[in-house]
Amino acid sequence: MTDKKSFIFYHEWSEILKKLPVDEVGNIILALLEYSETGTVAELSPIADIAFTAFRQAIDKDNEGDVPQNVESR
């Protein structure tokens, strides 16, 4: 995905994660790490995929500011 070595993990995500079974939480965290490193979206259960999608969108939005813009200032 990028050369970044990290991503922001928001405290507010814990509210969602605490409502899921522990094994699903582990799968989501591993999927987030894989996505942040490679851009690959892992196959998850439907409920885990819902949470992952919300978190992935936040990661993507955070990374938008990291992409160089080739726009001249006026």
Protein backbone atom coordinates (compact mmCIF):
# COMPACT_ATOMS: atom_id res chain seq x y z
CA MET A 1 0.00 0.00 0.00
CA THR A 2 2.58 2.57 1.13
CA ASP A 3 6.04 2.79 2.60
CA LYS A 4 4.50 3.68 5.95
CA LYS A 5 5.46 1.54 8.90
CA SER A 6 2.41 2.33 11.00
CA PHE A 7 -1.22 3.37 11.05
CA ILE A 8 -3.41 5.12 13.60
CA PHE A 9 -5.49 2.81 15.80
CA TYR A 10 -8.23 4.96 17.30
CA HIS A 11 -9.43 4.44 20.88
CA GLU A 12 -13.02 4.80 19.69
CA TRP A 13 -12.63 1.54 17.76
CA SER A 14 -12.52 -0.32 21.07
CA GLU A 15 -16.23 0.41 21.60
CA ILE A 16 -16.99 -1.70 18.53
CA LEU A 17 -14.35 -4.35 19.19
CA LYS A 18 -15.54 -4.97 22.77
CA LYS A 19 -18.93 -6.04 21.39
CA LEU A 20 -17.40 -8.81 19.25
CA PRO A 21 -16.09 -12.26 20.18
CA VAL A 22 -12.36 -12.25 20.96
CA ASP A 23 -11.50 -14.47 17.97
CA GLU A 24 -13.22 -11.99 15.63
CA VAL A 25 -11.28 -9.12 17.21
CA GLY A 26 -8.03 -10.94 16.53
CA ASN A 27 -9.03 -11.56 12.93
CA ILE A 28 -9.91 -7.89 12.46
CA ILE A 29 -6.61 -6.69 13.93
CA LEU A 30 -4.61 -9.09 11.76
CA ALA A 31 -6.61 -7.98 8.71
CA LEU A 32 -5.91 -4.31 9.52
CA LEU A 33 -2.19 -5.01 9.81
CA GLU A 34 -2.18 -6.88 6.49
CA TYR A 35 -4.17 -4.11 4.81
CA SER A 36 -1.90 -1.36 6.12
CA GLU A 37 1.20 -3.24 4.94
CA THR A 38 0.06 -4.64 1.60
CA GLY A 39 -3.31 -3.13 0.70
CA THR A 40 -4.79 -6.63 0.64
CA VAL A 41 -8.30 -7.02 2.04
CA ALA A 42 -8.58 -10.30 3.94
CA GLU A 43 -11.67 -12.50 3.90
CA LEU A 44 -13.56 -12.10 7.15
CA SER A 45 -16.88 -13.19 8.59
CA PRO A 46 -19.73 -10.83 7.74
CA ILE A 47 -19.76 -9.20 11.18
CA ALA A 48 -15.96 -8.78 11.26
CA ASP A 49 -16.05 -7.39 7.73
CA ILE A 50 -18.46 -4.64 8.81
CA ALA A 51 -16.06 -3.46 11.52
CA PHE A 52 -13.01 -3.87 9.26
CA THR A 53 -14.63 -1.78 6.53
CA ALA A 54 -15.24 1.11 8.91
CA PHE A 55 -11.67 0.94 10.22
CA ARG A 56 -10.24 0.58 6.70
CA GLN A 57 -12.04 3.73 5.61
CA ALA A 58 -10.43 5.62 8.50
CA ILE A 59 -6.99 4.28 7.53
CA ASP A 60 -7.55 5.30 3.92
CA LYS A 61 -8.69 8.77 4.94
CA ASP A 62 -5.66 9.21 7.21
CA ASN A 63 -3.39 8.15 4.35
CA GLU A 64 -4.92 10.66 1.92
CA GLY A 65 -2.86 13.41 3.56
CA ASP A 66 0.30 11.38 2.99
CA VAL A 67 -0.03 11.28 -0.80
CA PRO A 68 1.99 14.05 -2.46
CA GLN A 69 -0.24 16.48 -4.29
CA ASN A 70 1.04 17.80 -7.62
CA VAL A 71 -1.03 20.94 -7.43
CA GLU A 72 0.56 24.34 -7.82
CA SER A 73 -0.29 26.98 -5.27
CA ARG A 74 -1.99 30.00 -6.75
